[in-house]
């Protein structure tokens, strides 16, 4: 069954073992996409969508900051946002807008991928823990099974075990999506493109490889799997404006893939999933001036990360381990030890995490329950001032917990 809205010449022929029409659920292929009012006309006297013709009801005196109340907030937004897609295609050096999908954060992309590929109660996804938790949450919501092939955490490597992934997919044809997080969360470790390619080329796997690149801009140039999209029809690369662009609040996620999969996602999404304010801010962020500012801040964060790691590791005499993972993101993974030179200690790490947040107003993330992350705190790179406060408070608490293992709040 052909993909509705897709020209036949857009079907990919590589890798040879992949047939997207065999991966997508038949009911999705048969779906007649909802055609909304703005698909046909977006200007003129618009009396077709039951909008409020008198405009929005936000008082002018309530305008604060940079909020633009002159936007057509009473009109439904553009359903396709081709301007944003064109800017992303140019930024990531991909062929065109038909290779780009926009979602409400990467989480909508994850949800749509699972819904279009996996039959509830029958099909599965494969994850590589420790990894981003929303893959499992979304699979559970959709009644989709989860096969876990842990990363090889030896020496803090946190790399996919390709041979084990091959065995898993060869023995279970119900696995439809492999989720790879690169750089990883919570590991901060980049997966080499050669590793991703080897999985894409695996003939026993007939499904889709989804590479989540939320943090890729913090990695060396040339790290993105988007460079592989022109060749591989079984690849989708997920990105976001939340991290390097500093736009977590506008919830704009991106999928980059060949046109067949992009068309399927477009056929399935809600008609107006990206709001007009979100689109307006995204366009400004992706402008030449916006990109220059993003890159300037990116370099500052990378420099700050480089300074933060040795400062954290200078606390080793107080029971801190060497930062683990690849450090290719905007955070670091810091082990808290029972004592100087000792083993990672989850109890001590939790104690420090809770006291930092509850009593000192410095909030990091406890990740000690994740595979290969015993005793670890995930610390986002902050401003110079925030990093200084973190280091001071962390040193104070390390000294206290080294002297007394009793939880600080109970002393």
Protein backbone atom coordinates (compact mmCIF):
# COMPACT_ATOMS: atom_id res chain seq x y z
CA UNK A 1 0.00 0.00 0.00
CA UNK A 2 1.60 3.34 -1.03
CA UNK A 3 2.16 6.23 1.36
CA UNK A 4 -0.52 8.84 0.80
CA UNK A 5 0.82 12.17 -0.43
CA UNK A 6 4.22 10.79 -1.45
CA UNK A 7 5.47 10.80 -5.03
CA UNK A 8 6.64 7.30 -6.09
CA UNK A 9 10.13 8.55 -6.98
CA UNK A 10 10.68 9.59 -3.33
CA UNK A 11 10.81 5.97 -2.11
CA UNK A 12 14.29 5.05 -0.86
CA UNK A 13 16.17 2.04 -2.18
CA UNK A 14 18.88 1.86 0.48
CA UNK A 15 19.62 -0.20 2.41
CA UNK A 16 18.27 -3.01 0.19
CA UNK A 17 16.75 -4.95 3.11
CA UNK A 18 14.53 -2.00 4.16
CA UNK A 19 10.96 -1.46 2.94
CA UNK A 20 9.22 1.37 4.75
CA UNK A 21 5.78 0.25 3.62
CA UNK A 22 6.39 -3.03 5.46
CA UNK A 23 7.37 -1.17 8.65
CA UNK A 24 4.48 1.28 8.91
CA UNK A 25 1.24 -0.10 10.36
CA UNK A 26 -1.32 -0.81 7.60
CA UNK A 27 -3.98 1.37 9.24
CA UNK A 28 -1.52 4.29 9.18
CA UNK A 29 -0.76 3.73 5.49
CA UNK A 30 -4.51 3.70 4.83
CA UNK A 31 -5.10 6.84 6.89
CA UNK A 32 -6.70 9.76 5.09
CA UNK A 33 -4.91 12.73 6.70
CA UNK A 34 -7.14 15.41 8.14
CA UNK A 35 -7.17 18.33 5.74
CA UNK A 36 -7.39 21.55 7.71
CA UNK A 37 -8.57 24.96 6.57
CA UNK A 38 -5.08 26.43 6.26
CA UNK A 39 -3.94 23.66 3.90
CA UNK A 40 -5.86 25.44 1.13
CA UNK A 41 -5.93 29.18 1.88
CA UNK A 42 -4.07 31.31 4.42
CA UNK A 43 -4.93 34.86 3.35
CA UNK A 44 -7.98 36.90 2.41
CA UNK A 45 -11.26 37.23 4.29
CA UNK A 46 -10.96 34.02 6.28
CA UNK A 47 -14.43 32.76 7.16
CA UNK A 48 -13.65 29.06 6.84
CA UNK A 49 -12.25 27.89 10.19
CA UNK A 50 -14.71 29.27 12.77
CA UNK A 51 -12.04 31.54 14.27
CA UNK A 52 -12.83 34.63 16.33
CA UNK A 53 -12.82 37.39 13.70
CA UNK A 54 -12.47 40.14 16.35
CA UNK A 55 -9.02 38.96 17.42
CA UNK A 56 -7.45 37.84 20.68
CA UNK A 57 -8.50 39.01 24.13
CA UNK A 58 -5.13 39.69 25.76
CA UNK A 59 -5.12 43.23 27.22
CA UNK A 60 -2.40 45.44 25.77
CA UNK A 61 -1.33 46.59 29.22
CA UNK A 62 -0.47 42.98 30.05
CA UNK A 63 2.21 42.88 27.34
CA UNK A 64 5.53 42.07 28.97
CA UNK A 65 9.02 41.44 27.71
CA UNK A 66 9.22 40.58 24.03
CA UNK A 67 5.74 39.08 23.63
CA UNK A 68 4.34 40.16 20.26
CA UNK A 69 0.61 40.73 20.60
CA UNK A 70 0.37 41.81 16.96
CA UNK A 71 0.71 38.23 15.76
CA UNK A 72 -2.51 36.73 14.31
CA UNK A 73 -3.21 34.79 17.48
CA UNK A 74 -6.90 34.47 16.59
CA UNK A 75 -6.01 32.48 13.45
CA UNK A 76 -4.95 28.86 13.33
CA UNK A 77 -1.23 28.51 12.62
CA UNK A 78 0.45 27.36 9.44
CA UNK A 79 0.14 23.53 9.41
CA UNK A 80 3.44 22.99 7.58
CA UNK A 81 5.87 25.80 8.58
CA UNK A 82 7.99 25.42 5.46
CA UNK A 83 10.07 28.50 6.32
CA UNK A 84 11.31 26.87 9.52
CA UNK A 85 11.94 23.59 7.72
CA UNK A 86 13.94 25.37 5.01
CA UNK A 87 16.15 27.04 7.61
CA UNK A 88 16.73 23.71 9.38
CA UNK A 89 17.52 22.00 6.06
CA UNK A 90 20.09 24.69 5.32
CA UNK A 91 21.57 24.52 8.83
CA UNK A 92 21.92 20.73 8.81
CA UNK A 93 22.89 20.45 5.13
CA UNK A 94 20.03 18.18 4.09
CA UNK A 95 18.24 18.22 0.72
CA UNK A 96 15.07 20.15 1.51
CA UNK A 97 11.88 20.68 3.49
CA UNK A 98 10.52 17.25 2.57
CA UNK A 99 13.26 15.81 4.79
CA UNK A 100 12.12 17.73 7.91
CA UNK A 101 9.26 17.18 10.36
CA UNK A 102 8.43 19.49 13.27
CA UNK A 103 6.96 18.24 16.53
CA UNK A 104 5.98 19.54 19.94
CA UNK A 105 9.39 18.77 21.35
CA UNK A 106 11.22 15.55 20.54
CA UNK A 107 8.70 13.75 22.76
CA UNK A 108 5.97 14.15 20.11
CA UNK A 109 8.34 12.73 17.51
CA UNK A 110 9.10 9.73 19.74
CA UNK A 111 5.39 9.13 20.33
CA UNK A 112 4.51 9.40 16.65
CA UNK A 113 7.31 7.05 15.60
CA UNK A 114 6.09 4.40 18.02
CA UNK A 115 2.45 4.86 17.00
CA UNK A 116 3.07 4.64 13.25
CA UNK A 117 5.44 1.65 13.44
CA UNK A 118 4.35 -0.49 16.38
CA UNK A 119 1.12 -2.44 16.76
CA UNK A 120 0.01 -2.19 20.43
CA UNK A 121 0.31 -5.45 22.33
CA UNK A 122 2.40 -6.99 19.56
CA UNK A 123 5.43 -4.97 18.48
CA UNK A 124 8.47 -3.73 20.41
CA UNK A 125 11.18 -1.11 20.52
CA UNK A 126 14.82 -1.64 21.48
CA UNK A 127 16.59 0.72 23.88
CA UNK A 128 20.17 0.87 25.14
CA UNK A 129 20.16 1.81 28.84
CA UNK A 130 21.21 3.98 30.49
CA UNK A 131 19.29 6.26 28.16
CA UNK A 132 16.52 8.86 27.91
CA UNK A 133 13.53 7.65 29.88
CA UNK A 134 10.79 8.84 27.53
CA UNK A 135 11.39 6.00 25.05
CA UNK A 136 10.18 3.51 27.67
CA UNK A 137 7.44 5.78 29.03
CA UNK A 138 6.00 6.34 25.56
CA UNK A 139 6.24 2.64 24.68
CA UNK A 140 4.37 1.73 27.86
CA UNK A 141 1.65 4.29 27.15
CA UNK A 142 1.19 2.78 23.69
CA UNK A 143 1.25 -0.84 25.00
CA UNK A 144 4.45 -1.56 23.09
CA UNK A 145 7.10 -3.93 24.41
CA UNK A 146 10.67 -2.92 25.28
CA UNK A 147 13.81 -4.94 24.60
CA UNK A 148 16.84 -3.62 26.48
CA UNK A 149 20.41 -4.10 25.28
CA UNK A 150 22.54 -2.20 27.81
CA UNK A 151 25.39 0.01 26.73
CA UNK A 152 28.89 -1.27 27.38
CA UNK A 153 29.77 0.87 30.40
CA UNK A 154 33.26 -0.58 30.82
CA UNK A 155 35.63 2.21 31.77
CA UNK A 156 32.87 4.75 31.29
CA UNK A 157 32.68 3.99 27.54
CA UNK A 158 28.85 3.84 27.33
CA UNK A 159 28.80 2.51 23.76
CA UNK A 160 26.21 0.26 22.07
CA UNK A 161 26.95 -3.45 22.08
CA UNK A 162 26.40 -3.89 18.36
CA UNK A 163 26.76 -7.69 18.40
CA UNK A 164 24.13 -7.96 21.12
CA UNK A 165 21.81 -5.62 19.22
CA UNK A 166 22.25 -7.80 16.12
CA UNK A 167 21.36 -10.91 18.11
CA UNK A 168 18.29 -9.24 19.59
CA UNK A 169 16.82 -8.07 16.28
CA UNK A 170 17.70 -11.29 14.48
CA UNK A 171 15.80 -13.31 17.05
CA UNK A 172 12.78 -11.00 17.34
CA UNK A 173 11.11 -9.66 14.21
CA UNK A 174 8.62 -7.71 16.32
CA UNK A 175 11.30 -5.08 17.13
CA UNK A 176 10.38 -2.16 14.87
CA UNK A 177 12.49 0.73 16.21
CA UNK A 178 15.99 0.94 17.71
CA UNK A 179 16.43 4.10 19.80
CA UNK A 180 19.99 5.40 20.13
CA UNK A 181 20.73 8.54 22.16
CA UNK A 182 23.86 10.35 20.90
CA UNK A 183 25.26 12.10 22.86
CA UNK A 184 23.66 9.95 25.52
CA UNK A 185 21.48 11.07 28.37
CA UNK A 186 22.62 10.69 31.15
CA UNK A 187 26.02 9.58 29.82
CA UNK A 188 26.96 12.56 27.64
CA UNK A 189 28.70 10.13 25.29
CA UNK A 190 28.70 10.44 21.51
CA UNK A 191 28.11 7.31 19.40
CA UNK A 192 30.48 7.19 16.39
CA UNK A 193 28.81 7.37 12.98
CA UNK A 194 30.53 4.10 12.06
CA UNK A 195 28.62 2.36 14.86
CA UNK A 196 25.31 3.82 13.71
CA UNK A 197 26.08 2.80 10.12
CA UNK A 198 26.79 -0.77 11.14
CA UNK A 199 23.34 -1.00 12.74
CA UNK A 200 21.65 0.62 9.73
CA UNK A 201 23.32 -1.94 7.47
CA UNK A 202 22.28 -4.95 9.57
CA UNK A 203 20.18 -7.03 7.15
CA UNK A 204 18.25 -8.88 9.85
CA UNK A 205 16.72 -5.63 11.11
CA UNK A 206 13.85 -4.45 8.92
CA UNK A 207 12.80 -1.52 11.09
CA UNK A 208 13.88 2.06 11.74
CA UNK A 209 16.91 3.35 13.63
CA UNK A 210 16.05 6.54 15.56
CA UNK A 211 19.07 8.60 16.66
CA UNK A 212 18.23 11.18 19.31
CA UNK A 213 20.63 14.13 18.98
CA UNK A 214 19.27 16.62 21.48
CA UNK A 215 22.83 17.49 22.57
CA UNK A 216 24.72 17.09 19.30
CA UNK A 217 25.70 20.77 18.98
CA UNK A 218 27.87 20.37 22.08
CA UNK A 219 29.86 17.65 20.27
CA UNK A 220 32.66 18.05 17.71
CA UNK A 221 31.66 19.21 14.22
CA UNK A 222 30.73 16.38 11.89
CA UNK A 223 29.23 14.26 14.66
CA UNK A 224 25.60 14.36 13.53
CA UNK A 225 23.96 11.35 11.94
CA UNK A 226 21.97 13.81 9.80
CA UNK A 227 24.84 13.42 7.33
CA UNK A 228 23.70 9.81 6.80
CA UNK A 229 20.07 10.63 5.99
CA UNK A 230 20.69 11.18 2.27
CA UNK A 231 21.78 7.53 2.00
CA UNK A 232 19.70 5.58 4.51
CA UNK A 233 15.93 5.31 4.27
CA UNK A 234 15.75 3.45 7.59
CA UNK A 235 17.20 6.33 9.63
CA UNK A 236 15.48 9.16 11.47
CA UNK A 237 17.50 11.77 13.37
CA UNK A 238 15.77 13.68 16.16
CA UNK A 239 16.96 17.12 17.18
CA UNK A 240 15.55 20.04 19.17
CA UNK A 241 15.80 23.77 19.77
CA UNK A 242 15.68 23.15 23.55
CA UNK A 243 19.38 22.73 24.26
CA UNK A 244 21.94 24.59 22.12
CA UNK A 245 19.36 27.21 21.10
CA UNK A 246 18.17 27.67 24.68
CA UNK A 247 14.49 27.42 23.71
CA UNK A 248 13.20 24.64 25.93
CA UNK A 249 10.02 26.60 26.69
CA UNK A 250 8.78 26.81 23.08
CA UNK A 251 8.74 22.99 22.65
CA UNK A 252 10.03 22.57 19.10
CA UNK A 253 11.37 19.16 18.16
CA UNK A 254 12.74 18.12 14.79
CA UNK A 255 12.85 14.86 12.84
CA UNK A 256 15.20 14.55 9.88
CA UNK A 257 14.64 11.60 7.55
CA UNK A 258 13.98 10.72 3.94
CA UNK A 259 10.62 11.89 2.51
CA UNK A 260 8.66 8.61 2.96
CA UNK A 261 8.95 8.62 6.75
CA UNK A 262 8.51 12.40 6.94
CA UNK A 263 5.30 12.06 4.90
CA UNK A 264 3.98 9.35 7.23
CA UNK A 265 4.66 11.52 10.29
CA UNK A 266 3.02 14.51 8.59
CA UNK A 267 -0.04 12.44 7.70
CA UNK A 268 -0.41 11.35 11.33
CA UNK A 269 0.31 14.47 13.38
CA UNK A 270 -2.30 16.84 14.78
CA UNK A 271 -3.22 19.47 12.14
CA UNK A 272 -1.85 22.52 13.98
CA UNK A 273 0.76 21.03 16.29
CA UNK A 274 3.22 23.98 16.16
CA UNK A 275 1.79 27.23 17.50
CA UNK A 276 2.24 30.65 15.93
CA UNK A 277 4.28 32.05 18.87
CA UNK A 278 6.53 28.98 18.77
CA UNK A 279 7.02 29.33 15.01
CA UNK A 280 7.76 33.05 15.29
CA UNK A 281 10.45 32.51 17.93
CA UNK A 282 11.94 29.57 16.03
CA UNK A 283 12.26 31.64 12.86
CA UNK A 284 14.11 34.35 14.76
CA UNK A 285 16.41 31.82 16.40
CA UNK A 286 17.23 30.24 13.02
CA UNK A 287 17.94 33.57 11.33
CA UNK A 288 21.59 34.48 10.60
CA UNK A 289 21.65 36.74 13.65
CA UNK A 290 20.07 34.04 15.80
CA UNK A 291 22.52 31.39 14.64
CA UNK A 292 25.46 33.70 15.35
CA UNK A 293 24.19 34.28 18.89
CA UNK A 294 23.60 30.56 19.42
CA UNK A 295 27.14 29.75 18.32
CA UNK A 296 28.59 32.45 20.57
CA UNK A 297 26.77 31.03 23.59
CA UNK A 298 27.66 27.49 22.55
CA UNK A 299 31.37 28.33 22.60
CA UNK A 300 30.98 29.94 26.02
CA UNK A 301 29.27 26.81 27.39
CA UNK A 302 31.95 24.55 25.92
CA UNK A 303 34.65 26.68 27.55
CA UNK A 304 32.74 26.59 30.82
CA UNK A 305 32.42 22.79 30.60
CA UNK A 306 36.16 22.50 30.07
CA UNK A 307 36.80 24.57 33.22
CA UNK A 308 34.15 22.84 35.33
CA UNK A 309 35.41 19.27 34.92
CA UNK A 310 38.86 19.75 36.53
CA UNK A 311 37.33 21.88 39.27
CA UNK A 312 34.90 19.07 40.13
CA UNK A 313 37.69 16.51 40.00
CA UNK A 314 39.78 18.66 42.35
CA UNK A 315 37.35 17.51 45.04
CA UNK A 316 38.64 13.92 44.82
CA UNK A 317 40.17 14.09 48.34
CA UNK A 318 36.61 14.61 49.61
CA UNK A 319 35.23 11.51 47.87
CA UNK A 320 34.53 12.49 44.26
CA UNK A 321 35.41 10.24 41.34
CA UNK A 322 36.60 11.17 37.87
CA UNK A 323 33.83 12.47 35.63
CA UNK A 324 32.50 9.56 33.56
CA UNK A 325 31.10 9.39 30.03
CA UNK A 326 32.23 11.21 26.93
CA UNK A 327 31.46 14.77 28.06
CA UNK A 328 29.99 15.59 24.64
CA UNK A 329 26.90 17.36 26.00
CA UNK A 330 26.12 20.38 28.19
CA UNK A 331 26.33 18.36 31.39
CA UNK A 332 28.76 16.09 33.22
CA UNK A 333 28.21 12.85 35.12
CA UNK A 334 29.94 13.01 38.49
CA UNK A 335 30.41 9.96 40.76
CA UNK A 336 30.13 10.49 44.50
CA UNK A 337 32.24 7.96 46.41
CA UNK A 338 31.93 6.59 49.92
CA UNK A 339 35.34 8.11 50.66
CA UNK A 340 38.39 9.29 48.78
CA UNK A 341 39.43 6.49 46.44
CA UNK A 342 36.42 4.39 47.50
CA UNK A 343 33.49 2.92 45.61
CA UNK A 344 30.52 4.94 44.25
CA UNK A 345 27.96 5.45 47.02
CA UNK A 346 24.31 5.92 46.12
CA UNK A 347 23.28 6.82 49.67
CA UNK A 348 25.85 9.57 49.94
CA UNK A 349 25.04 10.83 46.45
CA UNK A 350 21.31 10.99 47.27
CA UNK A 351 22.02 12.75 50.53
CA UNK A 352 24.10 15.41 48.77
CA UNK A 353 21.56 15.75 45.93
CA UNK A 354 18.61 16.27 48.30
CA UNK A 355 20.49 18.68 50.58
CA UNK A 356 21.85 20.71 47.68
CA UNK A 357 18.34 21.17 46.31
CA UNK A 358 16.26 21.35 49.47
CA UNK A 359 18.51 23.45 51.67
CA UNK A 360 20.96 25.23 49.38
CA UNK A 361 18.84 25.91 46.29
CA UNK A 362 21.27 24.17 43.92
CA UNK A 363 19.43 21.55 41.88
CA UNK A 364 21.32 18.77 40.11
CA UNK A 365 19.97 15.33 39.09
CA UNK A 366 20.55 12.04 40.90
CA UNK A 367 21.22 9.27 38.37
CA UNK A 368 22.67 6.56 40.63
CA UNK A 369 19.90 4.08 39.82
CA UNK A 370 20.86 4.02 36.11
CA UNK A 371 23.00 1.20 34.75
CA UNK A 372 26.70 2.02 35.03
CA UNK A 373 25.98 5.28 36.88
CA UNK A 374 26.28 4.19 40.51
CA UNK A 375 26.63 7.14 42.84
CA UNK A 376 26.35 9.63 39.99
CA UNK A 377 24.99 13.15 39.93
CA UNK A 378 24.25 14.70 36.55
CA UNK A 379 25.33 18.33 36.62
CA UNK A 380 24.32 20.78 33.90
CA UNK A 381 26.94 23.36 32.95
CA UNK A 382 25.62 26.63 34.36
CA UNK A 383 26.73 30.23 34.19
CA UNK A 384 30.10 31.11 35.73
CA UNK A 385 28.28 32.38 38.83
CA UNK A 386 26.09 29.27 39.09
CA UNK A 387 29.09 26.97 38.69
CA UNK A 388 30.93 28.84 41.45
CA UNK A 389 27.98 28.44 43.85
CA UNK A 390 27.67 24.75 42.93
CA UNK A 391 31.36 24.10 43.63
CA UNK A 392 31.25 25.92 46.96
CA UNK A 393 28.12 24.19 48.22
CA UNK A 394 29.25 20.80 46.93
CA UNK A 395 32.60 21.09 48.72
CA UNK A 396 30.84 22.04 51.96
CA UNK A 397 28.49 19.07 51.80
CA UNK A 398 31.24 16.66 50.80
CA UNK A 399 33.17 17.66 53.89
CA UNK A 400 30.12 17.20 56.11
CA UNK A 401 29.17 13.81 54.68
CA UNK A 402 32.76 12.61 54.78
CA UNK A 403 32.87 13.34 58.50
CA UNK A 404 29.42 11.87 59.22
CA UNK A 405 27.49 9.43 57.01
CA UNK A 406 24.25 10.40 58.77
CA UNK A 407 21.88 12.23 56.40
CA UNK A 408 22.48 15.92 56.88
CA UNK A 409 18.85 16.75 57.55
CA UNK A 410 18.86 14.30 60.50
CA UNK A 411 21.88 15.74 62.33
